[in-house]
């Protein structure tokens, strides 16, 4: 797998900006309509290329109302527009903490903060926060363009931290976000799924395999005329004491029999380090949960796995 080159010039994909309604704050009902209107006006100033007047409006609001999420979020973005990166980081970090503290579930703050970390050269911090931005529950609430930006930024962060396999996986997911192949049918197997668990819990079998960190994603294409689906599984496997992950790609033949789903893998990459998987899963709360093992080798080694749907 070849690591694609970074974008020249502006490194970071554009931030996703929050939407503010005209008179009512969409996240904190305790905010007065008048105050919400002031923040909305400052946001419009920033978007119209006037970040300095926006800062002048937002600073006293934040000083008087330090727990006002959208005020701090928009002030951080205004500082970013003025290239005041330390001030911007301070405000967006505060906004992220407010989002968590009050359970606001605003889905874009981590991407905005992560892109700012990238601009500031804080690459490890960028990976950490962008992994949060890429959580399935968050990206499912975004439109296609916003989803693409999240995973593109995550790819850039991985590339800057010498994680080429994870970077390529993130770029591929970003590309799929705008490919127009997503289905919004809730119980449809087709779509993009992310690996949220891949772990062998039987330590008596293979310590090396048990301790490997496995991440990746699964693409399932719509069913064909035979009733079978096909898909592709892309994994990044980090062995203990290894400096870099290696990539594994499997083409899959998928059969869904009354909710019992079997996927038989055919290796395309990773032949020296991995054997083809047989994956047997069932649906559980919108996820695919089950086991993976090799039908030809190490059949006693069964990994517990889980896939969560992105779109």
C-alpha atoms as a PDB file:
ATOM      1  CA  UNK A   1       0.000   0.000   0.000  1.00  0.00           C
ATOM      2  CA  UNK A   2       1.536   3.258  -1.085  1.00  0.00           C
ATOM      3  CA  UNK A   3       1.257   6.298   1.172  1.00  0.00           C
ATOM      4  CA  UNK A   4      -0.116   9.127  -0.889  1.00  0.00           C
ATOM      5  CA  UNK A   5       1.679  12.452  -0.725  1.00  0.00           C
ATOM      6  CA  UNK A   6       0.449  15.230   1.539  1.00  0.00           C
ATOM      7  CA  UNK A   7      -1.367  18.196   0.107  1.00  0.00           C
ATOM      8  CA  UNK A   8       1.026  20.982  -0.737  1.00  0.00           C
ATOM      9  CA  UNK A   9       0.364  24.444   0.600  1.00  0.00           C
ATOM     10  CA  UNK A  10      -2.482  24.346   3.073  1.00  0.00           C
ATOM     11  CA  UNK A  11      -2.031  21.081   4.980  1.00  0.00           C
ATOM     12  CA  UNK A  12      -5.351  20.905   6.751  1.00  0.00           C
ATOM     13  CA  UNK A  13      -8.808  20.237   5.361  1.00  0.00           C
ATOM     14  CA  UNK A  14     -11.215  23.057   6.119  1.00  0.00           C
ATOM     15  CA  UNK A  15     -12.836  22.914   9.532  1.00  0.00           C
ATOM     16  CA  UNK A  16     -16.485  22.034   9.859  1.00  0.00           C
ATOM     17  CA  UNK A  17     -18.255  24.995  11.418  1.00  0.00           C
ATOM     18  CA  UNK A  18     -21.173  24.799  13.833  1.00  0.00           C
ATOM     19  CA  UNK A  19     -24.596  25.982  12.803  1.00  0.00           C
ATOM     20  CA  UNK A  20     -26.279  28.595  14.983  1.00  0.00           C
ATOM     21  CA  UNK A  21     -30.003  29.273  14.801  1.00  0.00           C
ATOM     22  CA  UNK A  22     -31.194  32.873  14.728  1.00  0.00           C
ATOM     23  CA  UNK A  23     -32.737  33.181  18.185  1.00  0.00           C
ATOM     24  CA  UNK A  24     -32.345  29.937  20.125  1.00  0.00           C
ATOM     25  CA  UNK A  25     -29.150  28.166  21.063  1.00  0.00           C
ATOM     26  CA  UNK A  26     -29.401  24.584  19.770  1.00  0.00           C
ATOM     27  CA  UNK A  27     -27.281  23.092  22.550  1.00  0.00           C
ATOM     28  CA  UNK A  28     -27.782  25.086  25.759  1.00  0.00           C
ATOM     29  CA  UNK A  29     -31.374  26.068  26.491  1.00  0.00           C
ATOM     30  CA  UNK A  30     -30.280  28.260  29.396  1.00  0.00           C
ATOM     31  CA  UNK A  31     -28.690  30.731  26.958  1.00  0.00           C
ATOM     32  CA  UNK A  32     -30.930  33.730  26.382  1.00  0.00           C
ATOM     33  CA  UNK A  33     -32.139  34.391  22.817  1.00  0.00           C
ATOM     34  CA  UNK A  34     -30.471  37.818  22.861  1.00  0.00           C
ATOM     35  CA  UNK A  35     -27.091  36.288  23.694  1.00  0.00           C
ATOM     36  CA  UNK A  36     -27.546  33.613  21.055  1.00  0.00           C
ATOM     37  CA  UNK A  37     -28.261  36.300  18.455  1.00  0.00           C
ATOM     38  CA  UNK A  38     -25.034  38.115  19.385  1.00  0.00           C
ATOM     39  CA  UNK A  39     -22.981  34.954  18.912  1.00  0.00           C
ATOM     40  CA  UNK A  40     -24.758  34.243  15.641  1.00  0.00           C
ATOM     41  CA  UNK A  41     -23.962  37.739  14.397  1.00  0.00           C
ATOM     42  CA  UNK A  42     -20.278  37.319  15.336  1.00  0.00           C
ATOM     43  CA  UNK A  43     -20.232  34.010  13.490  1.00  0.00           C
ATOM     44  CA  UNK A  44     -21.570  35.707  10.358  1.00  0.00           C
ATOM     45  CA  UNK A  45     -18.883  38.376  10.647  1.00  0.00           C
ATOM     46  CA  UNK A  46     -16.192  35.698  10.736  1.00  0.00           C
ATOM     47  CA  UNK A  47     -17.655  33.821   7.792  1.00  0.00           C
ATOM     48  CA  UNK A  48     -17.806  37.106   5.841  1.00  0.00           C
ATOM     49  CA  UNK A  49     -14.092  37.689   6.295  1.00  0.00           C
ATOM     50  CA  UNK A  50     -14.290  39.931   9.372  1.00  0.00           C
ATOM     51  CA  UNK A  51     -12.751  37.858  12.176  1.00  0.00           C
ATOM     52  CA  UNK A  52     -11.466  40.860  14.162  1.00  0.00           C
ATOM     53  CA  UNK A  53     -14.935  42.393  14.764  1.00  0.00           C
ATOM     54  CA  UNK A  54     -16.127  38.869  15.632  1.00  0.00           C
ATOM     55  CA  UNK A  55     -13.372  38.572  18.241  1.00  0.00           C
ATOM     56  CA  UNK A  56     -14.282  41.947  19.700  1.00  0.00           C
ATOM     57  CA  UNK A  57     -17.886  40.790  20.064  1.00  0.00           C
ATOM     58  CA  UNK A  58     -17.129  37.325  21.417  1.00  0.00           C
ATOM     59  CA  UNK A  59     -14.375  38.042  23.940  1.00  0.00           C
ATOM     60  CA  UNK A  60     -16.610  39.879  26.444  1.00  0.00           C
ATOM     61  CA  UNK A  61     -19.312  37.226  26.022  1.00  0.00           C
ATOM     62  CA  UNK A  62     -16.845  34.441  26.831  1.00  0.00           C
ATOM     63  CA  UNK A  63     -15.486  36.403  29.767  1.00  0.00           C
ATOM     64  CA  UNK A  64     -18.977  36.854  31.189  1.00  0.00           C
ATOM     65  CA  UNK A  65     -20.213  33.373  30.222  1.00  0.00           C
ATOM     66  CA  UNK A  66     -17.219  30.979  30.264  1.00  0.00           C
ATOM     67  CA  UNK A  67     -19.515  27.930  30.035  1.00  0.00           C
ATOM     68  CA  UNK A  68     -21.177  29.080  26.818  1.00  0.00           C
ATOM     69  CA  UNK A  69     -20.124  26.413  24.324  1.00  0.00           C
ATOM     70  CA  UNK A  70     -20.888  28.110  20.998  1.00  0.00           C
ATOM     71  CA  UNK A  71     -19.347  31.394  22.127  1.00  0.00           C
ATOM     72  CA  UNK A  72     -16.048  29.663  22.903  1.00  0.00           C
ATOM     73  CA  UNK A  73     -16.229  27.547  19.758  1.00  0.00           C
ATOM     74  CA  UNK A  74     -16.776  30.546  17.502  1.00  0.00           C
ATOM     75  CA  UNK A  75     -14.150  32.612  19.317  1.00  0.00           C
ATOM     76  CA  UNK A  76     -11.638  29.813  18.719  1.00  0.00           C
ATOM     77  CA  UNK A  77     -12.472  29.780  15.015  1.00  0.00           C
ATOM     78  CA  UNK A  78     -12.155  33.564  14.850  1.00  0.00           C
ATOM     79  CA  UNK A  79      -8.725  33.376  16.479  1.00  0.00           C
ATOM     80  CA  UNK A  80      -7.816  30.700  13.912  1.00  0.00           C
ATOM     81  CA  UNK A  81      -8.792  33.055  11.089  1.00  0.00           C
ATOM     82  CA  UNK A  82      -6.412  35.652  12.585  1.00  0.00           C
ATOM     83  CA  UNK A  83      -3.639  33.014  12.872  1.00  0.00           C
ATOM     84  CA  UNK A  84      -3.640  33.355  16.659  1.00  0.00           C
ATOM     85  CA  UNK A  85      -3.076  29.635  17.079  1.00  0.00           C
ATOM     86  CA  UNK A  86      -2.289  29.458  20.835  1.00  0.00           C
ATOM     87  CA  UNK A  87      -5.418  31.473  21.639  1.00  0.00           C
ATOM     88  CA  UNK A  88      -7.448  29.389  19.203  1.00  0.00           C
ATOM     89  CA  UNK A  89      -6.264  26.131  20.760  1.00  0.00           C
ATOM     90  CA  UNK A  90      -7.147  27.401  24.243  1.00  0.00           C
ATOM     91  CA  UNK A  91     -10.715  28.247  23.190  1.00  0.00           C
ATOM     92  CA  UNK A  92     -11.360  25.091  21.189  1.00  0.00           C
ATOM     93  CA  UNK A  93      -9.969  22.897  23.958  1.00  0.00           C
ATOM     94  CA  UNK A  94     -12.322  24.673  26.366  1.00  0.00           C
ATOM     95  CA  UNK A  95     -15.214  24.204  23.955  1.00  0.00           C
ATOM     96  CA  UNK A  96     -14.454  20.504  23.636  1.00  0.00           C
ATOM     97  CA  UNK A  97     -14.465  20.114  27.415  1.00  0.00           C
ATOM     98  CA  UNK A  98     -17.808  21.914  27.648  1.00  0.00           C
ATOM     99  CA  UNK A  99     -19.195  19.610  24.976  1.00  0.00           C
ATOM    100  CA  UNK A 100     -18.205  16.634  27.125  1.00  0.00           C
ATOM    101  CA  UNK A 101     -19.130  18.186  30.468  1.00  0.00           C
ATOM    102  CA  UNK A 102     -22.688  19.062  29.482  1.00  0.00           C
ATOM    103  CA  UNK A 103     -23.274  16.134  27.128  1.00  0.00           C
ATOM    104  CA  UNK A 104     -24.059  18.465  24.227  1.00  0.00           C
ATOM    105  CA  UNK A 105     -23.179  15.880  21.551  1.00  0.00           C
ATOM    106  CA  UNK A 106     -22.055  18.540  19.078  1.00  0.00           C
ATOM    107  CA  UNK A 107     -20.325  16.398  16.413  1.00  0.00           C
ATOM    108  CA  UNK A 108     -17.792  18.778  14.824  1.00  0.00           C
ATOM    109  CA  UNK A 109     -15.726  20.274  17.655  1.00  0.00           C
ATOM    110  CA  UNK A 110     -13.143  17.453  17.677  1.00  0.00           C
ATOM    111  CA  UNK A 111     -12.513  17.815  13.956  1.00  0.00           C
ATOM    112  CA  UNK A 112     -12.083  21.573  14.316  1.00  0.00           C
ATOM    113  CA  UNK A 113      -9.663  21.104  17.209  1.00  0.00           C
ATOM    114  CA  UNK A 114      -7.831  18.320  15.405  1.00  0.00           C
ATOM    115  CA  UNK A 115      -7.319  20.414  12.277  1.00  0.00           C
ATOM    116  CA  UNK A 116      -5.992  23.205  14.488  1.00  0.00           C
ATOM    117  CA  UNK A 117      -3.527  20.816  16.130  1.00  0.00           C
ATOM    118  CA  UNK A 118      -2.351  19.864  12.639  1.00  0.00           C
ATOM    119  CA  UNK A 119      -1.760  23.524  11.759  1.00  0.00           C
ATOM    120  CA  UNK A 120       0.183  23.979  14.996  1.00  0.00           C
ATOM    121  CA  UNK A 121       2.334  20.887  14.415  1.00  0.00           C
ATOM    122  CA  UNK A 122       0.838  19.034  17.413  1.00  0.00           C
ATOM    123  CA  UNK A 123       0.459  15.783  15.498  1.00  0.00           C
ATOM    124  CA  UNK A 124       0.079  13.283  18.347  1.00  0.00           C
ATOM    125  CA  UNK A 125      -2.635  15.440  19.899  1.00  0.00           C
ATOM    126  CA  UNK A 126      -4.268  15.649  16.477  1.00  0.00           C
ATOM    127  CA  UNK A 127      -4.435  11.852  16.193  1.00  0.00           C
ATOM    128  CA  UNK A 128      -6.034  11.541  19.630  1.00  0.00           C
ATOM    129  CA  UNK A 129      -8.766  14.103  19.089  1.00  0.00           C
ATOM    130  CA  UNK A 130      -9.464  13.158  15.462  1.00  0.00           C
ATOM    131  CA  UNK A 131      -9.987   9.548  16.508  1.00  0.00           C
ATOM    132  CA  UNK A 132     -12.816  10.917  18.655  1.00  0.00           C
ATOM    133  CA  UNK A 133     -14.128  12.933  15.718  1.00  0.00           C
ATOM    134  CA  UNK A 134     -14.217   9.744  13.623  1.00  0.00           C
ATOM    135  CA  UNK A 135     -16.346   7.787  16.108  1.00  0.00           C
ATOM    136  CA  UNK A 136     -19.290   6.173  14.274  1.00  0.00           C
ATOM    137  CA  UNK A 137     -21.972   7.916  16.336  1.00  0.00           C
ATOM    138  CA  UNK A 138     -20.487  11.301  15.424  1.00  0.00           C
ATOM    139  CA  UNK A 139     -19.754  10.867  11.742  1.00  0.00           C
ATOM    140  CA  UNK A 140     -23.186   9.364  11.096  1.00  0.00           C
ATOM    141  CA  UNK A 141     -24.714  12.739  11.980  1.00  0.00           C
ATOM    142  CA  UNK A 142     -22.596  14.614   9.394  1.00  0.00           C
ATOM    143  CA  UNK A 143     -23.137  15.097   5.691  1.00  0.00           C
ATOM    144  CA  UNK A 144     -20.876  13.450   3.115  1.00  0.00           C
ATOM    145  CA  UNK A 145     -18.528  16.420   2.711  1.00  0.00           C
ATOM    146  CA  UNK A 146     -18.042  16.783   6.460  1.00  0.00           C
ATOM    147  CA  UNK A 147     -17.388  13.063   6.848  1.00  0.00           C
ATOM    148  CA  UNK A 148     -14.738  13.264   4.167  1.00  0.00           C
ATOM    149  CA  UNK A 149     -13.008  16.137   5.953  1.00  0.00           C
ATOM    150  CA  UNK A 150     -12.898  14.257   9.254  1.00  0.00           C
ATOM    151  CA  UNK A 151     -11.190  11.211   7.751  1.00  0.00           C
ATOM    152  CA  UNK A 152      -8.911  13.274   5.523  1.00  0.00           C
ATOM    153  CA  UNK A 153      -7.688  15.162   8.591  1.00  0.00           C
ATOM    154  CA  UNK A 154      -7.233  11.881  10.457  1.00  0.00           C
ATOM    155  CA  UNK A 155      -5.203  10.558   7.530  1.00  0.00           C
ATOM    156  CA  UNK A 156      -2.980  13.635   7.610  1.00  0.00           C
ATOM    157  CA  UNK A 157      -2.445  13.202  11.349  1.00  0.00           C
ATOM    158  CA  UNK A 158      -1.503   9.540  10.943  1.00  0.00           C
ATOM    159  CA  UNK A 159       0.856  10.410   8.094  1.00  0.00           C
ATOM    160  CA  UNK A 160       2.603  12.994  10.262  1.00  0.00           C
ATOM    161  CA  UNK A 161       3.052  10.439  13.060  1.00  0.00           C
ATOM    162  CA  UNK A 162       4.631   7.806  10.772  1.00  0.00           C
ATOM    163  CA  UNK A 163       1.570   5.550  10.596  1.00  0.00           C
ATOM    164  CA  UNK A 164       1.268   4.981   6.829  1.00  0.00           C
ATOM    165  CA  UNK A 165      -1.145   2.035   6.975  1.00  0.00           C
ATOM    166  CA  UNK A 166      -3.593   3.928   9.186  1.00  0.00           C
ATOM    167  CA  UNK A 167      -3.165   7.038   7.035  1.00  0.00           C
ATOM    168  CA  UNK A 168      -4.053   5.174   3.858  1.00  0.00           C
ATOM    169  CA  UNK A 169      -7.058   3.558   5.535  1.00  0.00           C
ATOM    170  CA  UNK A 170      -8.336   6.974   6.628  1.00  0.00           C
ATOM    171  CA  UNK A 171      -7.847   8.429   3.144  1.00  0.00           C
ATOM    172  CA  UNK A 172      -9.752   5.507   1.639  1.00  0.00           C
ATOM    173  CA  UNK A 173     -12.646   6.009   4.061  1.00  0.00           C
ATOM    174  CA  UNK A 174     -12.658   9.733   3.239  1.00  0.00           C
ATOM    175  CA  UNK A 175     -12.920   8.896  -0.446  1.00  0.00           C
ATOM    176  CA  UNK A 176     -15.797   6.490   0.189  1.00  0.00           C
ATOM    177  CA  UNK A 177     -17.731   9.207   2.041  1.00  0.00           C
ATOM    178  CA  UNK A 178     -18.406  11.041  -1.222  1.00  0.00           C
ATOM    179  CA  UNK A 179     -18.563   8.021  -3.536  1.00  0.00           C
ATOM    180  CA  UNK A 180     -22.364   7.995  -3.533  1.00  0.00           C
ATOM    181  CA  UNK A 181     -22.605   4.308  -2.654  1.00  0.00           C
ATOM    182  CA  UNK A 182     -23.961   4.718   0.875  1.00  0.00           C
ATOM    183  CA  UNK A 183     -27.377   3.393   1.764  1.00  0.00           C
ATOM    184  CA  UNK A 184     -29.492   4.843   4.553  1.00  0.00           C
ATOM    185  CA  UNK A 185     -31.539   1.691   5.104  1.00  0.00           C
ATOM    186  CA  UNK A 186     -30.890   0.952   8.766  1.00  0.00           C
ATOM    187  CA  UNK A 187     -30.841  -2.856   8.497  1.00  0.00           C
ATOM    188  CA  UNK A 188     -28.969  -3.039   5.197  1.00  0.00           C
ATOM    189  CA  UNK A 189     -25.621  -4.803   5.474  1.00  0.00           C
ATOM    190  CA  UNK A 190     -24.083  -2.822   2.629  1.00  0.00           C
ATOM    191  CA  UNK A 191     -22.012   0.234   3.467  1.00  0.00           C
ATOM    192  CA  UNK A 192     -18.860   1.154   5.385  1.00  0.00           C
ATOM    193  CA  UNK A 193     -18.127  -0.440   8.754  1.00  0.00           C
ATOM    194  CA  UNK A 194     -15.232   0.348  11.084  1.00  0.00           C
ATOM    195  CA  UNK A 195     -13.424  -2.200  13.248  1.00  0.00           C
ATOM    196  CA  UNK A 196     -14.049  -1.297  16.902  1.00  0.00           C
ATOM    197  CA  UNK A 197     -12.843  -4.619  18.366  1.00  0.00           C
ATOM    198  CA  UNK A 198     -10.455  -7.288  17.117  1.00  0.00           C
ATOM    199  CA  UNK A 199      -8.968  -9.164  20.018  1.00  0.00           C
ATOM    200  CA  UNK A 200      -7.982 -12.724  20.902  1.00  0.00           C
ATOM    201  CA  UNK A 201      -8.800 -13.125  24.584  1.00  0.00           C
ATOM    202  CA  UNK A 202      -7.359 -16.642  24.977  1.00  0.00           C
ATOM    203  CA  UNK A 203      -3.829 -15.908  26.150  1.00  0.00           C
ATOM    204  CA  UNK A 204      -2.937 -19.610  26.183  1.00  0.00           C
ATOM    205  CA  UNK A 205      -3.003 -19.774  22.382  1.00  0.00           C
ATOM    206  CA  UNK A 206      -0.667 -17.135  21.044  1.00  0.00           C
ATOM    207  CA  UNK A 207       0.672 -14.253  23.104  1.00  0.00           C
ATOM    208  CA  UNK A 208       1.966 -12.513  20.005  1.00  0.00           C
ATOM    209  CA  UNK A 209      -1.392 -12.578  18.227  1.00  0.00           C
ATOM    210  CA  UNK A 210      -3.201 -11.737  21.446  1.00  0.00           C
ATOM    211  CA  UNK A 211      -1.235  -8.565  21.968  1.00  0.00           C
ATOM    212  CA  UNK A 212      -1.397  -7.285  18.397  1.00  0.00           C
ATOM    213  CA  UNK A 213      -3.438  -4.149  17.818  1.00  0.00           C
ATOM    214  CA  UNK A 214      -5.796  -4.516  14.865  1.00  0.00           C
ATOM    215  CA  UNK A 215      -7.701  -1.592  13.341  1.00  0.00           C
ATOM    216  CA  UNK A 216      -9.396  -1.128  10.001  1.00  0.00           C
ATOM    217  CA  UNK A 217     -12.613  -1.012   8.055  1.00  0.00           C
ATOM    218  CA  UNK A 218     -14.987  -3.141   6.043  1.00  0.00           C
ATOM    219  CA  UNK A 219     -16.818  -2.219   2.858  1.00  0.00           C
ATOM    220  CA  UNK A 220     -19.841  -4.325   1.927  1.00  0.00           C
ATOM    221  CA  UNK A 221     -21.327  -3.901  -1.538  1.00  0.00           C
ATOM    222  CA  UNK A 222     -25.044  -4.399  -2.291  1.00  0.00           C
ATOM    223  CA  UNK A 223     -26.282  -7.923  -2.886  1.00  0.00           C
ATOM    224  CA  UNK A 224     -26.017  -9.351  -6.365  1.00  0.00           C
ATOM    225  CA  UNK A 225     -28.544 -11.486  -8.170  1.00  0.00           C
ATOM    226  CA  UNK A 226     -27.269 -14.622  -6.378  1.00  0.00           C
ATOM    227  CA  UNK A 227     -28.164 -13.261  -2.954  1.00  0.00           C
ATOM    228  CA  UNK A 228     -24.483 -13.113  -1.993  1.00  0.00           C
ATOM    229  CA  UNK A 229     -22.663  -9.885  -1.200  1.00  0.00           C
ATOM    230  CA  UNK A 230     -19.031  -9.114  -1.751  1.00  0.00           C
ATOM    231  CA  UNK A 231     -16.831  -6.848   0.273  1.00  0.00           C
ATOM    232  CA  UNK A 232     -13.315  -5.821   1.169  1.00  0.00           C
ATOM    233  CA  UNK A 233     -11.682  -5.890   4.585  1.00  0.00           C
ATOM    234  CA  UNK A 234      -8.696  -3.554   5.109  1.00  0.00           C
ATOM    235  CA  UNK A 235      -6.746  -3.995   8.341  1.00  0.00           C
ATOM    236  CA  UNK A 236      -3.693  -2.427   9.969  1.00  0.00           C
ATOM    237  CA  UNK A 237      -1.900  -4.844  12.312  1.00  0.00           C
ATOM    238  CA  UNK A 238       0.630  -3.596  14.849  1.00  0.00           C
ATOM    239  CA  UNK A 239       2.601  -6.440  16.395  1.00  0.00           C
ATOM    240  CA  UNK A 240       4.235  -6.091  19.832  1.00  0.00           C
ATOM    241  CA  UNK A 241       7.492  -4.132  19.707  1.00  0.00           C
ATOM    242  CA  UNK A 242       6.998  -3.319  16.022  1.00  0.00           C
ATOM    243  CA  UNK A 243       7.494   0.284  14.950  1.00  0.00           C
ATOM    244  CA  UNK A 244       4.894   0.267  12.185  1.00  0.00           C
ATOM    245  CA  UNK A 245       1.692  -1.516  11.311  1.00  0.00           C
ATOM    246  CA  UNK A 246       1.513  -3.761   8.288  1.00  0.00           C
ATOM    247  CA  UNK A 247      -1.493  -3.835   6.024  1.00  0.00           C
ATOM    248  CA  UNK A 248      -3.847  -6.729   5.338  1.00  0.00           C
ATOM    249  CA  UNK A 249      -6.465  -6.651   2.579  1.00  0.00           C
ATOM    250  CA  UNK A 250      -9.001  -9.418   2.075  1.00  0.00           C
ATOM    251  CA  UNK A 251     -11.694  -9.725  -0.565  1.00  0.00           C
ATOM    252  CA  UNK A 252     -14.799 -11.215   1.008  1.00  0.00           C
ATOM    253  CA  UNK A 253     -17.672 -13.404  -0.083  1.00  0.00           C
ATOM    254  CA  UNK A 254     -20.565 -12.660   2.257  1.00  0.00           C
ATOM    255  CA  UNK A 255     -23.633 -14.754   2.945  1.00  0.00           C
ATOM    256  CA  UNK A 256     -26.462 -13.637   5.232  1.00  0.00           C
ATOM    257  CA  UNK A 257     -28.660 -16.544   6.338  1.00  0.00           C
ATOM    258  CA  UNK A 258     -31.505 -15.349   8.562  1.00  0.00           C
ATOM    259  CA  UNK A 259     -29.246 -12.891  10.334  1.00  0.00           C
ATOM    260  CA  UNK A 260     -26.252 -15.222  10.673  1.00  0.00           C
ATOM    261  CA  UNK A 261     -23.577 -13.619   8.515  1.00  0.00           C
ATOM    262  CA  UNK A 262     -20.536 -15.510   7.254  1.00  0.00           C
ATOM    263  CA  UNK A 263     -17.699 -13.776   5.438  1.00  0.00           C
ATOM    264  CA  UNK A 264     -14.976 -15.841   3.750  1.00  0.00           C
ATOM    265  CA  UNK A 265     -11.786 -13.936   3.035  1.00  0.00           C
ATOM    266  CA  UNK A 266      -9.366 -14.202   0.145  1.00  0.00           C
ATOM    267  CA  UNK A 267      -6.051 -12.462   0.833  1.00  0.00           C
ATOM    268  CA  UNK A 268      -4.944  -9.661  -1.494  1.00  0.00           C
ATOM    269  CA  UNK A 269      -2.122  -8.274   0.678  1.00  0.00           C
ATOM    270  CA  UNK A 270      -0.308  -9.299   3.852  1.00  0.00           C
ATOM    271  CA  UNK A 271       0.404 -12.850   2.683  1.00  0.00           C
ATOM    272  CA  UNK A 272       3.543 -13.305   4.787  1.00  0.00           C
ATOM    273  CA  UNK A 273       2.030 -12.166   8.055  1.00  0.00           C
ATOM    274  CA  UNK A 274      -1.643 -13.071   7.966  1.00  0.00           C
ATOM    275  CA  UNK A 275      -3.949 -15.879   6.907  1.00  0.00           C
ATOM    276  CA  UNK A 276      -7.376 -15.518   5.346  1.00  0.00           C
ATOM    277  CA  UNK A 277     -10.196 -15.027   7.817  1.00  0.00           C
ATOM    278  CA  UNK A 278     -13.560 -16.603   8.156  1.00  0.00           C
ATOM    279  CA  UNK A 279     -15.768 -14.105   9.935  1.00  0.00           C
ATOM    280  CA  UNK A 280     -19.028 -15.157  11.563  1.00  0.00           C
ATOM    281  CA  UNK A 281     -21.120 -12.334  13.007  1.00  0.00           C
ATOM    282  CA  UNK A 282     -24.674 -11.377  13.891  1.00  0.00           C
ATOM    283  CA  UNK A 283     -26.331  -8.014  14.329  1.00  0.00           C
ATOM    284  CA  UNK A 284     -26.391  -6.493  17.804  1.00  0.00           C
ATOM    285  CA  UNK A 285     -27.652  -2.932  18.409  1.00  0.00           C
ATOM    286  CA  UNK A 286     -26.737  -1.880  14.881  1.00  0.00           C
ATOM    287  CA  UNK A 287     -23.272  -3.454  15.052  1.00  0.00           C
ATOM    288  CA  UNK A 288     -21.850  -6.716  13.701  1.00  0.00           C
ATOM    289  CA  UNK A 289     -20.520  -8.832  16.579  1.00  0.00           C
ATOM    290  CA  UNK A 290     -18.901 -12.253  16.457  1.00  0.00           C
ATOM    291  CA  UNK A 291     -15.645 -14.061  15.750  1.00  0.00           C
ATOM    292  CA  UNK A 292     -12.871 -14.286  13.170  1.00  0.00           C
ATOM    293  CA  UNK A 293     -10.647 -17.287  12.621  1.00  0.00           C
ATOM    294  CA  UNK A 294      -8.756 -19.075   9.866  1.00  0.00           C
ATOM    295  CA  UNK A 295     -10.537 -22.145   8.455  1.00  0.00           C
ATOM    296  CA  UNK A 296      -7.181 -23.565   7.315  1.00  0.00           C
ATOM    297  CA  UNK A 297      -4.688 -22.588  10.033  1.00  0.00           C
ATOM    298  CA  UNK A 298      -4.810 -21.702  13.718  1.00  0.00           C
ATOM    299  CA  UNK A 299      -8.442 -22.775  13.827  1.00  0.00           C
ATOM    300  CA  UNK A 300      -8.283 -22.746  17.626  1.00  0.00           C
ATOM    301  CA  UNK A 301      -7.402 -19.048  17.607  1.00  0.00           C
ATOM    302  CA  UNK A 302     -10.693 -17.184  17.517  1.00  0.00           C
ATOM    303  CA  UNK A 303     -10.686 -13.414  17.715  1.00  0.00           C
ATOM    304  CA  UNK A 304     -13.613 -11.538  19.192  1.00  0.00           C
ATOM    305  CA  UNK A 305     -14.587  -8.817  16.719  1.00  0.00           C
ATOM    306  CA  UNK A 306     -17.040  -5.984  16.312  1.00  0.00           C
ATOM    307  CA  UNK A 307     -17.837  -3.697  13.374  1.00  0.00           C
ATOM    308  CA  UNK A 308     -19.799  -0.454  13.802  1.00  0.00           C
ATOM    309  CA  UNK A 309     -21.433   1.128  10.770  1.00  0.00           C
ATOM    310  CA  UNK A 310     -20.194   4.516   9.600  1.00  0.00           C
ATOM    311  CA  UNK A 311     -22.641   4.929   6.713  1.00  0.00           C
END
